[in-house]
C-alpha atoms as a PDB file:
ATOM      1  CA  UNK A   1    -120.666 -80.655  94.182  1.00  0.00           C
ATOM      2  CA  UNK A   2    -123.869 -78.660  94.387  1.00  0.00           C
ATOM      3  CA  UNK A   3    -124.705 -75.310  92.803  1.00  0.00           C
ATOM      4  CA  UNK A   4    -124.156 -72.466  95.248  1.00  0.00           C
ATOM      5  CA  UNK A   5    -126.626 -69.618  95.642  1.00  0.00           C
ATOM      6  CA  UNK A   6    -125.447 -66.501  97.474  1.00  0.00           C
ATOM      7  CA  UNK A   7    -127.966 -66.215 100.302  1.00  0.00           C
ATOM      8  CA  UNK A   8    -127.284 -62.842 101.918  1.00  0.00           C
ATOM      9  CA  UNK A   9    -130.494 -61.143 100.775  1.00  0.00           C
ATOM     10  CA  UNK A  10    -132.904 -61.195  97.853  1.00  0.00           C
ATOM     11  CA  UNK A  11    -134.452 -64.008  95.820  1.00  0.00           C
ATOM     12  CA  UNK A  12    -132.083 -66.862  96.702  1.00  0.00           C
ATOM     13  CA  UNK A  13    -134.921 -69.186  97.748  1.00  0.00           C
ATOM     14  CA  UNK A  14    -136.539 -68.772  94.340  1.00  0.00           C
ATOM     15  CA  UNK A  15    -133.302 -69.757  92.599  1.00  0.00           C
ATOM     16  CA  UNK A  16    -132.951 -72.847  94.775  1.00  0.00           C
ATOM     17  CA  UNK A  17    -136.552 -73.787  93.967  1.00  0.00           C
ATOM     18  CA  UNK A  18    -135.886 -73.384  90.222  1.00  0.00           C
ATOM     19  CA  UNK A  19    -132.819 -75.617  90.485  1.00  0.00           C
ATOM     20  CA  UNK A  20    -134.863 -78.192  92.368  1.00  0.00           C
ATOM     21  CA  UNK A  21    -137.438 -78.224  89.554  1.00  0.00           C
ATOM     22  CA  UNK A  22    -134.573 -79.249  87.278  1.00  0.00           C
ATOM     23  CA  UNK A  23    -133.521 -81.981  89.677  1.00  0.00           C
ATOM     24  CA  UNK A  24    -130.399 -80.127  90.868  1.00  0.00           C
ATOM     25  CA  UNK A  25    -129.381 -79.355  94.433  1.00  0.00           C
ATOM     26  CA  UNK A  26    -128.744 -75.714  95.326  1.00  0.00           C
ATOM     27  CA  UNK A  27    -127.025 -74.756  98.578  1.00  0.00           C
ATOM     28  CA  UNK A  28    -127.062 -71.428 100.407  1.00  0.00           C
ATOM     29  CA  UNK A  29    -123.735 -69.585 100.559  1.00  0.00           C
ATOM     30  CA  UNK A  30    -123.141 -67.017 103.307  1.00  0.00           C
ATOM     31  CA  UNK A  31    -119.480 -67.468 104.303  1.00  0.00           C
ATOM     32  CA  UNK A  32    -116.248 -67.549 102.268  1.00  0.00           C
ATOM     33  CA  UNK A  33    -115.342 -71.098 103.272  1.00  0.00           C
ATOM     34  CA  UNK A  34    -118.636 -72.414 101.895  1.00  0.00           C
ATOM     35  CA  UNK A  35    -117.537 -71.533  98.352  1.00  0.00           C
ATOM     36  CA  UNK A  36    -115.143 -74.463  98.521  1.00  0.00           C
ATOM     37  CA  UNK A  37    -118.126 -76.809  98.540  1.00  0.00           C
ATOM     38  CA  UNK A  38    -119.625 -75.664  95.225  1.00  0.00           C
ATOM     39  CA  UNK A  39    -118.420 -75.689  91.620  1.00  0.00           C
ATOM     40  CA  UNK A  40    -120.678 -72.901  90.361  1.00  0.00           C
ATOM     41  CA  UNK A  41    -122.538 -69.967  91.881  1.00  0.00           C
ATOM     42  CA  UNK A  42    -125.698 -67.924  91.357  1.00  0.00           C
ATOM     43  CA  UNK A  43    -125.853 -64.368  92.729  1.00  0.00           C
ATOM     44  CA  UNK A  44    -129.559 -63.494  93.025  1.00  0.00           C
ATOM     45  CA  UNK A  45    -131.525 -60.316  92.599  1.00  0.00           C
ATOM     46  CA  UNK A  46    -132.156 -58.107  95.595  1.00  0.00           C
ATOM     47  CA  UNK A  47    -131.027 -54.747  96.933  1.00  0.00           C
ATOM     48  CA  UNK A  48    -127.477 -54.461  95.640  1.00  0.00           C
ATOM     49  CA  UNK A  49    -126.234 -51.956  98.223  1.00  0.00           C
ATOM     50  CA  UNK A  50    -127.546 -54.073 101.103  1.00  0.00           C
ATOM     51  CA  UNK A  51    -126.076 -57.226  99.596  1.00  0.00           C
ATOM     52  CA  UNK A  52    -122.716 -55.506  99.161  1.00  0.00           C
ATOM     53  CA  UNK A  53    -122.680 -54.380 102.807  1.00  0.00           C
ATOM     54  CA  UNK A  54    -123.501 -57.904 103.996  1.00  0.00           C
ATOM     55  CA  UNK A  55    -120.871 -59.423 101.701  1.00  0.00           C
ATOM     56  CA  UNK A  56    -118.312 -56.980 103.058  1.00  0.00           C
ATOM     57  CA  UNK A  57    -119.346 -57.771 106.647  1.00  0.00           C
ATOM     58  CA  UNK A  58    -118.811 -61.502 106.016  1.00  0.00           C
ATOM     59  CA  UNK A  59    -115.517 -60.802 104.170  1.00  0.00           C
ATOM     60  CA  UNK A  60    -116.882 -62.493 101.048  1.00  0.00           C
ATOM     61  CA  UNK A  61    -115.493 -60.230  98.339  1.00  0.00           C
ATOM     62  CA  UNK A  62    -111.939 -61.671  98.207  1.00  0.00           C
ATOM     63  CA  UNK A  63    -113.317 -65.228  97.997  1.00  0.00           C
ATOM     64  CA  UNK A  64    -115.913 -64.275  95.388  1.00  0.00           C
ATOM     65  CA  UNK A  65    -113.295 -62.561  93.217  1.00  0.00           C
ATOM     66  CA  UNK A  66    -111.034 -65.608  93.473  1.00  0.00           C
ATOM     67  CA  UNK A  67    -113.972 -67.865  92.555  1.00  0.00           C
ATOM     68  CA  UNK A  68    -114.493 -65.823  89.376  1.00  0.00           C
ATOM     69  CA  UNK A  69    -110.772 -65.703  88.530  1.00  0.00           C
ATOM     70  CA  UNK A  70    -110.568 -69.491  88.829  1.00  0.00           C
ATOM     71  CA  UNK A  71    -112.970 -69.711  85.907  1.00  0.00           C
ATOM     72  CA  UNK A  72    -115.846 -71.221  87.834  1.00  0.00           C
ATOM     73  CA  UNK A  73    -119.294 -70.472  86.357  1.00  0.00           C
ATOM     74  CA  UNK A  74    -121.104 -67.566  88.027  1.00  0.00           C
ATOM     75  CA  UNK A  75    -124.513 -66.173  87.087  1.00  0.00           C
ATOM     76  CA  UNK A  76    -125.777 -62.844  88.370  1.00  0.00           C
ATOM     77  CA  UNK A  77    -129.435 -61.836  88.086  1.00  0.00           C
ATOM     78  CA  UNK A  78    -130.410 -58.162  88.516  1.00  0.00           C
ATOM     79  CA  UNK A  79    -128.355 -57.130  91.585  1.00  0.00           C
ATOM     80  CA  UNK A  80    -126.080 -60.068  90.832  1.00  0.00           C
ATOM     81  CA  UNK A  81    -125.391 -58.618  87.388  1.00  0.00           C
ATOM     82  CA  UNK A  82    -124.300 -55.367  89.053  1.00  0.00           C
ATOM     83  CA  UNK A  83    -121.934 -57.320  91.326  1.00  0.00           C
ATOM     84  CA  UNK A  84    -120.232 -59.014  88.374  1.00  0.00           C
ATOM     85  CA  UNK A  85    -119.666 -55.838  86.358  1.00  0.00           C
ATOM     86  CA  UNK A  86    -116.260 -54.180  86.185  1.00  0.00           C
ATOM     87  CA  UNK A  87    -117.949 -50.779  86.488  1.00  0.00           C
ATOM     88  CA  UNK A  88    -121.322 -49.511  87.722  1.00  0.00           C
ATOM     89  CA  UNK A  89    -122.901 -46.062  87.416  1.00  0.00           C
ATOM     90  CA  UNK A  90    -126.017 -44.604  89.010  1.00  0.00           C
ATOM     91  CA  UNK A  91    -125.036 -45.906  92.420  1.00  0.00           C
ATOM     92  CA  UNK A  92    -125.941 -44.418  95.759  1.00  0.00           C
ATOM     93  CA  UNK A  93    -123.536 -41.927  97.325  1.00  0.00           C
ATOM     94  CA  UNK A  94    -120.315 -43.675  98.212  1.00  0.00           C
ATOM     95  CA  UNK A  95    -120.961 -46.447  95.699  1.00  0.00           C
ATOM     96  CA  UNK A  96    -120.607 -50.117  96.476  1.00  0.00           C
ATOM     97  CA  UNK A  97    -117.962 -52.783  96.186  1.00  0.00           C
ATOM     98  CA  UNK A  98    -118.073 -54.995  93.079  1.00  0.00           C
ATOM     99  CA  UNK A  99    -116.776 -58.469  92.332  1.00  0.00           C
ATOM    100  CA  UNK A 100    -115.954 -57.667  88.713  1.00  0.00           C
ATOM    101  CA  UNK A 101    -115.062 -59.970  85.851  1.00  0.00           C
ATOM    102  CA  UNK A 102    -117.655 -58.907  83.281  1.00  0.00           C
ATOM    103  CA  UNK A 103    -116.176 -56.363  80.882  1.00  0.00           C
ATOM    104  CA  UNK A 104    -119.287 -54.203  81.157  1.00  0.00           C
ATOM    105  CA  UNK A 105    -120.535 -50.921  82.527  1.00  0.00           C
ATOM    106  CA  UNK A 106    -123.847 -51.305  84.322  1.00  0.00           C
ATOM    107  CA  UNK A 107    -126.400 -48.597  85.047  1.00  0.00           C
ATOM    108  CA  UNK A 108    -127.674 -49.594  88.478  1.00  0.00           C
ATOM    109  CA  UNK A 109    -131.272 -48.332  88.109  1.00  0.00           C
ATOM    110  CA  UNK A 110    -131.565 -47.942  84.367  1.00  0.00           C
ATOM    111  CA  UNK A 111    -135.302 -48.689  84.258  1.00  0.00           C
ATOM    112  CA  UNK A 112    -136.200 -46.512  87.229  1.00  0.00           C
ATOM    113  CA  UNK A 113    -137.347 -47.150  90.773  1.00  0.00           C
ATOM    114  CA  UNK A 114    -139.512 -49.940  92.174  1.00  0.00           C
ATOM    115  CA  UNK A 115    -142.773 -48.447  90.868  1.00  0.00           C
ATOM    116  CA  UNK A 116    -141.452 -48.719  87.306  1.00  0.00           C
ATOM    117  CA  UNK A 117    -141.000 -52.487  87.476  1.00  0.00           C
ATOM    118  CA  UNK A 118    -142.552 -54.368  84.560  1.00  0.00           C
ATOM    119  CA  UNK A 119    -142.733 -57.604  82.573  1.00  0.00           C
ATOM    120  CA  UNK A 120    -142.008 -57.866  78.862  1.00  0.00           C
ATOM    121  CA  UNK A 121    -141.354 -60.421  76.145  1.00  0.00           C
ATOM    122  CA  UNK A 122    -137.729 -60.250  75.029  1.00  0.00           C
ATOM    123  CA  UNK A 123    -136.123 -61.980  72.069  1.00  0.00           C
ATOM    124  CA  UNK A 124    -133.788 -64.741  73.248  1.00  0.00           C
ATOM    125  CA  UNK A 125    -132.572 -66.564  70.156  1.00  0.00           C
ATOM    126  CA  UNK A 126    -129.475 -68.049  71.814  1.00  0.00           C
ATOM    127  CA  UNK A 127    -131.547 -69.364  74.717  1.00  0.00           C
ATOM    128  CA  UNK A 128    -134.111 -70.925  72.393  1.00  0.00           C
ATOM    129  CA  UNK A 129    -131.351 -72.429  70.249  1.00  0.00           C
ATOM    130  CA  UNK A 130    -129.724 -74.135  73.245  1.00  0.00           C
ATOM    131  CA  UNK A 131    -132.771 -74.933  75.375  1.00  0.00           C
ATOM    132  CA  UNK A 132    -135.682 -75.161  72.953  1.00  0.00           C
ATOM    133  CA  UNK A 133    -139.053 -73.592  73.667  1.00  0.00           C
ATOM    134  CA  UNK A 134    -140.307 -70.200  72.448  1.00  0.00           C
ATOM    135  CA  UNK A 135    -138.076 -67.679  70.682  1.00  0.00           C
ATOM    136  CA  UNK A 136    -138.953 -65.145  73.392  1.00  0.00           C
ATOM    137  CA  UNK A 137    -138.701 -65.096  77.174  1.00  0.00           C
ATOM    138  CA  UNK A 138    -141.150 -63.370  79.526  1.00  0.00           C
ATOM    139  CA  UNK A 139    -138.737 -61.260  81.569  1.00  0.00           C
ATOM    140  CA  UNK A 140    -139.509 -59.726  84.961  1.00  0.00           C
ATOM    141  CA  UNK A 141    -137.716 -56.395  85.501  1.00  0.00           C
ATOM    142  CA  UNK A 142    -137.778 -55.138  89.110  1.00  0.00           C
ATOM    143  CA  UNK A 143    -135.910 -51.864  89.691  1.00  0.00           C
ATOM    144  CA  UNK A 144    -133.644 -53.308  87.074  1.00  0.00           C
ATOM    145  CA  UNK A 145    -130.166 -52.435  85.862  1.00  0.00           C
ATOM    146  CA  UNK A 146    -128.980 -52.561  82.250  1.00  0.00           C
ATOM    147  CA  UNK A 147    -125.686 -52.934  80.434  1.00  0.00           C
ATOM    148  CA  UNK A 148    -124.837 -49.590  78.831  1.00  0.00           C
ATOM    149  CA  UNK A 149    -121.363 -50.579  77.577  1.00  0.00           C
ATOM    150  CA  UNK A 150    -119.982 -54.028  76.770  1.00  0.00           C
ATOM    151  CA  UNK A 151    -116.429 -54.973  75.834  1.00  0.00           C
ATOM    152  CA  UNK A 152    -115.468 -56.930  72.700  1.00  0.00           C
ATOM    153  CA  UNK A 153    -115.290 -60.226  74.572  1.00  0.00           C
ATOM    154  CA  UNK A 154    -118.873 -59.990  75.832  1.00  0.00           C
ATOM    155  CA  UNK A 155    -121.584 -61.944  74.034  1.00  0.00           C
ATOM    156  CA  UNK A 156    -124.951 -60.174  74.002  1.00  0.00           C
ATOM    157  CA  UNK A 157    -127.752 -62.681  74.663  1.00  0.00           C
ATOM    158  CA  UNK A 158    -130.758 -60.344  74.913  1.00  0.00           C
ATOM    159  CA  UNK A 159    -131.665 -56.702  74.384  1.00  0.00           C
ATOM    160  CA  UNK A 160    -134.702 -54.562  75.132  1.00  0.00           C
ATOM    161  CA  UNK A 161    -135.965 -51.542  73.122  1.00  0.00           C
ATOM    162  CA  UNK A 162    -135.971 -48.156  74.877  1.00  0.00           C
ATOM    163  CA  UNK A 163    -136.513 -44.551  73.774  1.00  0.00           C
ATOM    164  CA  UNK A 164    -133.183 -43.033  72.732  1.00  0.00           C
ATOM    165  CA  UNK A 165    -133.989 -39.733  74.477  1.00  0.00           C
ATOM    166  CA  UNK A 166    -134.856 -41.198  77.856  1.00  0.00           C
ATOM    167  CA  UNK A 167    -132.707 -43.408  80.067  1.00  0.00           C
ATOM    168  CA  UNK A 168    -135.166 -43.778  82.924  1.00  0.00           C
ATOM    169  CA  UNK A 169    -138.691 -44.399  81.794  1.00  0.00           C
ATOM    170  CA  UNK A 170    -141.960 -45.626  83.222  1.00  0.00           C
ATOM    171  CA  UNK A 171    -143.901 -48.819  82.668  1.00  0.00           C
ATOM    172  CA  UNK A 172    -146.461 -46.782  80.737  1.00  0.00           C
ATOM    173  CA  UNK A 173    -143.819 -45.827  78.182  1.00  0.00           C
ATOM    174  CA  UNK A 174    -142.909 -49.515  77.917  1.00  0.00           C
ATOM    175  CA  UNK A 175    -146.488 -50.272  76.893  1.00  0.00           C
ATOM    176  CA  UNK A 176    -146.496 -47.410  74.404  1.00  0.00           C
ATOM    177  CA  UNK A 177    -143.297 -48.686  72.840  1.00  0.00           C
ATOM    178  CA  UNK A 178    -144.664 -52.189  72.454  1.00  0.00           C
ATOM    179  CA  UNK A 179    -147.801 -50.838  70.783  1.00  0.00           C
ATOM    180  CA  UNK A 180    -145.924 -48.538  68.400  1.00  0.00           C
ATOM    181  CA  UNK A 181    -143.235 -51.168  67.728  1.00  0.00           C
ATOM    182  CA  UNK A 182    -140.784 -48.474  66.608  1.00  0.00           C
ATOM    183  CA  UNK A 183    -138.008 -48.313  69.201  1.00  0.00           C
ATOM    184  CA  UNK A 184    -135.116 -45.972  68.540  1.00  0.00           C
ATOM    185  CA  UNK A 185    -132.445 -48.033  70.294  1.00  0.00           C
ATOM    186  CA  UNK A 186    -131.906 -51.154  72.349  1.00  0.00           C
ATOM    187  CA  UNK A 187    -130.287 -51.700  75.709  1.00  0.00           C
ATOM    188  CA  UNK A 188    -128.488 -54.914  76.671  1.00  0.00           C
ATOM    189  CA  UNK A 189    -130.217 -57.002  79.352  1.00  0.00           C
ATOM    190  CA  UNK A 190    -128.401 -60.369  79.169  1.00  0.00           C
ATOM    191  CA  UNK A 191    -124.718 -61.116  78.555  1.00  0.00           C
ATOM    192  CA  UNK A 192    -122.179 -63.918  78.691  1.00  0.00           C
ATOM    193  CA  UNK A 193    -118.394 -63.714  78.934  1.00  0.00           C
ATOM    194  CA  UNK A 194    -116.431 -66.931  79.335  1.00  0.00           C
ATOM    195  CA  UNK A 195    -117.535 -68.365  82.710  1.00  0.00           C
ATOM    196  CA  UNK A 196    -119.842 -65.459  83.584  1.00  0.00           C
ATOM    197  CA  UNK A 197    -123.545 -65.018  82.809  1.00  0.00           C
ATOM    198  CA  UNK A 198    -125.589 -61.929  83.650  1.00  0.00           C
ATOM    199  CA  UNK A 199    -129.283 -61.086  83.309  1.00  0.00           C
ATOM    200  CA  UNK A 200    -130.884 -57.766  84.259  1.00  0.00           C
ATOM    201  CA  UNK A 201    -134.191 -59.533  84.855  1.00  0.00           C
ATOM    202  CA  UNK A 202    -135.378 -62.285  87.227  1.00  0.00           C
ATOM    203  CA  UNK A 203    -135.775 -65.732  85.589  1.00  0.00           C
ATOM    204  CA  UNK A 204    -136.161 -67.228  89.064  1.00  0.00           C
ATOM    205  CA  UNK A 205    -139.541 -65.485  89.417  1.00  0.00           C
ATOM    206  CA  UNK A 206    -141.030 -67.300  86.419  1.00  0.00           C
ATOM    207  CA  UNK A 207    -141.955 -70.889  85.653  1.00  0.00           C
ATOM    208  CA  UNK A 208    -139.589 -70.913  82.671  1.00  0.00           C
ATOM    209  CA  UNK A 209    -136.388 -72.642  83.818  1.00  0.00           C
ATOM    210  CA  UNK A 210    -134.460 -72.331  80.551  1.00  0.00           C
ATOM    211  CA  UNK A 211    -131.984 -69.747  81.873  1.00  0.00           C
ATOM    212  CA  UNK A 212    -131.195 -72.031  84.813  1.00  0.00           C
ATOM    213  CA  UNK A 213    -130.746 -74.946  82.411  1.00  0.00           C
ATOM    214  CA  UNK A 214    -128.514 -72.774  80.225  1.00  0.00           C
ATOM    215  CA  UNK A 215    -126.339 -71.883  83.209  1.00  0.00           C
ATOM    216  CA  UNK A 216    -126.087 -75.485  84.388  1.00  0.00           C
ATOM    217  CA  UNK A 217    -124.835 -76.480  80.963  1.00  0.00           C
ATOM    218  CA  UNK A 218    -122.169 -73.785  81.332  1.00  0.00           C
ATOM    219  CA  UNK A 219    -121.165 -75.548  84.556  1.00  0.00           C
ATOM    220  CA  UNK A 220    -121.015 -78.902  82.780  1.00  0.00           C
ATOM    221  CA  UNK A 221    -118.887 -77.451  79.996  1.00  0.00           C
ATOM    222  CA  UNK A 222    -116.478 -75.585  82.288  1.00  0.00           C
ATOM    223  CA  UNK A 223    -113.067 -76.845  83.321  1.00  0.00           C
ATOM    224  CA  UNK A 224    -114.614 -78.546  86.330  1.00  0.00           C
ATOM    225  CA  UNK A 225    -117.670 -79.557  84.383  1.00  0.00           C
ATOM    226  CA  UNK A 226    -117.606 -83.258  85.065  1.00  0.00           C
ATOM    227  CA  UNK A 227    -121.033 -84.718  85.649  1.00  0.00           C
ATOM    228  CA  UNK A 228    -120.100 -85.360  89.282  1.00  0.00           C
ATOM    229  CA  UNK A 229    -119.828 -81.602  89.897  1.00  0.00           C
ATOM    230  CA  UNK A 230    -123.610 -81.184  89.828  1.00  0.00           C
ATOM    231  CA  UNK A 231    -125.572 -82.867  92.582  1.00  0.00           C
ATOM    232  CA  UNK A 232    -128.996 -84.204  91.729  1.00  0.00           C
ATOM    233  CA  UNK A 233    -131.949 -84.236  94.099  1.00  0.00           C
ATOM    234  CA  UNK A 234    -134.729 -86.734  94.563  1.00  0.00           C
ATOM    235  CA  UNK A 235    -132.874 -89.509  92.808  1.00  0.00           C
ATOM    236  CA  UNK A 236    -132.485 -87.726  89.476  1.00  0.00           C
ATOM    237  CA  UNK A 237    -129.526 -89.087  87.481  1.00  0.00           C
ATOM    238  CA  UNK A 238    -127.764 -86.317  85.566  1.00  0.00           C
ATOM    239  CA  UNK A 239    -124.446 -88.006  84.874  1.00  0.00           C
ATOM    240  CA  UNK A 240    -124.831 -89.567  81.441  1.00  0.00           C
ATOM    241  CA  UNK A 241    -126.897 -86.739  80.032  1.00  0.00           C
ATOM    242  CA  UNK A 242    -124.410 -84.131  81.214  1.00  0.00           C
ATOM    243  CA  UNK A 243    -121.706 -85.756  79.146  1.00  0.00           C
ATOM    244  CA  UNK A 244    -123.977 -85.458  76.125  1.00  0.00           C
ATOM    245  CA  UNK A 245    -124.594 -81.736  76.877  1.00  0.00           C
ATOM    246  CA  UNK A 246    -128.282 -82.558  77.299  1.00  0.00           C
ATOM    247  CA  UNK A 247    -128.182 -83.129  81.026  1.00  0.00           C
ATOM    248  CA  UNK A 248    -131.293 -81.161  81.892  1.00  0.00           C
ATOM    249  CA  UNK A 249    -134.911 -81.252  80.748  1.00  0.00           C
ATOM    250  CA  UNK A 250    -135.664 -78.465  78.269  1.00  0.00           C
ATOM    251  CA  UNK A 251    -138.544 -76.101  78.793  1.00  0.00           C
ATOM    252  CA  UNK A 252    -141.803 -77.221  77.245  1.00  0.00           C
END
């Protein structure tokens, strides 16, 4: 089976392109019945309220929740992270429907509005340990959420320093923090819990495919993680390497 990418709105094309760079086929998912054709799923970044309305229109929420409950690997980036959370705050009036599964509380616009989007190097020791490459990852935050509470079963994969007296802050304050190198607290920006992965930033908008490789290894190691569950493109053979847990090229 191929890797599904929820294609209602947002950066789904960029995720499919990143998968293709790793030799893996990604397929667009827009209807509940299409989830039966994939063994794992990526929920991309975008406008979470719009995505929720479209998912509700297509009656996707019951199927998405069942997909998660079945233990199939799901990765949410930015808006996708919001979707996977059990609870979200800072939402628009009326809120939005969530898929749930991640024992987290998400602040929907923790880093502020679109004009406060920024890039920053974040420490990613677990990623580097599994995928090689640098100890840091250049993360793209676009009107990004953050995890403000995480349950005991949630593994924190990356954090970002923020001023303790200011939840919403500008890109200028980000630069000041990096220069002073004396943050007062950290906020969680990447998590993993069993079959679920969440990142507040957009790996699909960078050339670094290590997060995609990390997720694909989760798919290989899951209950349905036989090598046949991931479809290669352009004649790439992933089968033997998958069994060795080294099925994908690591970032150089």
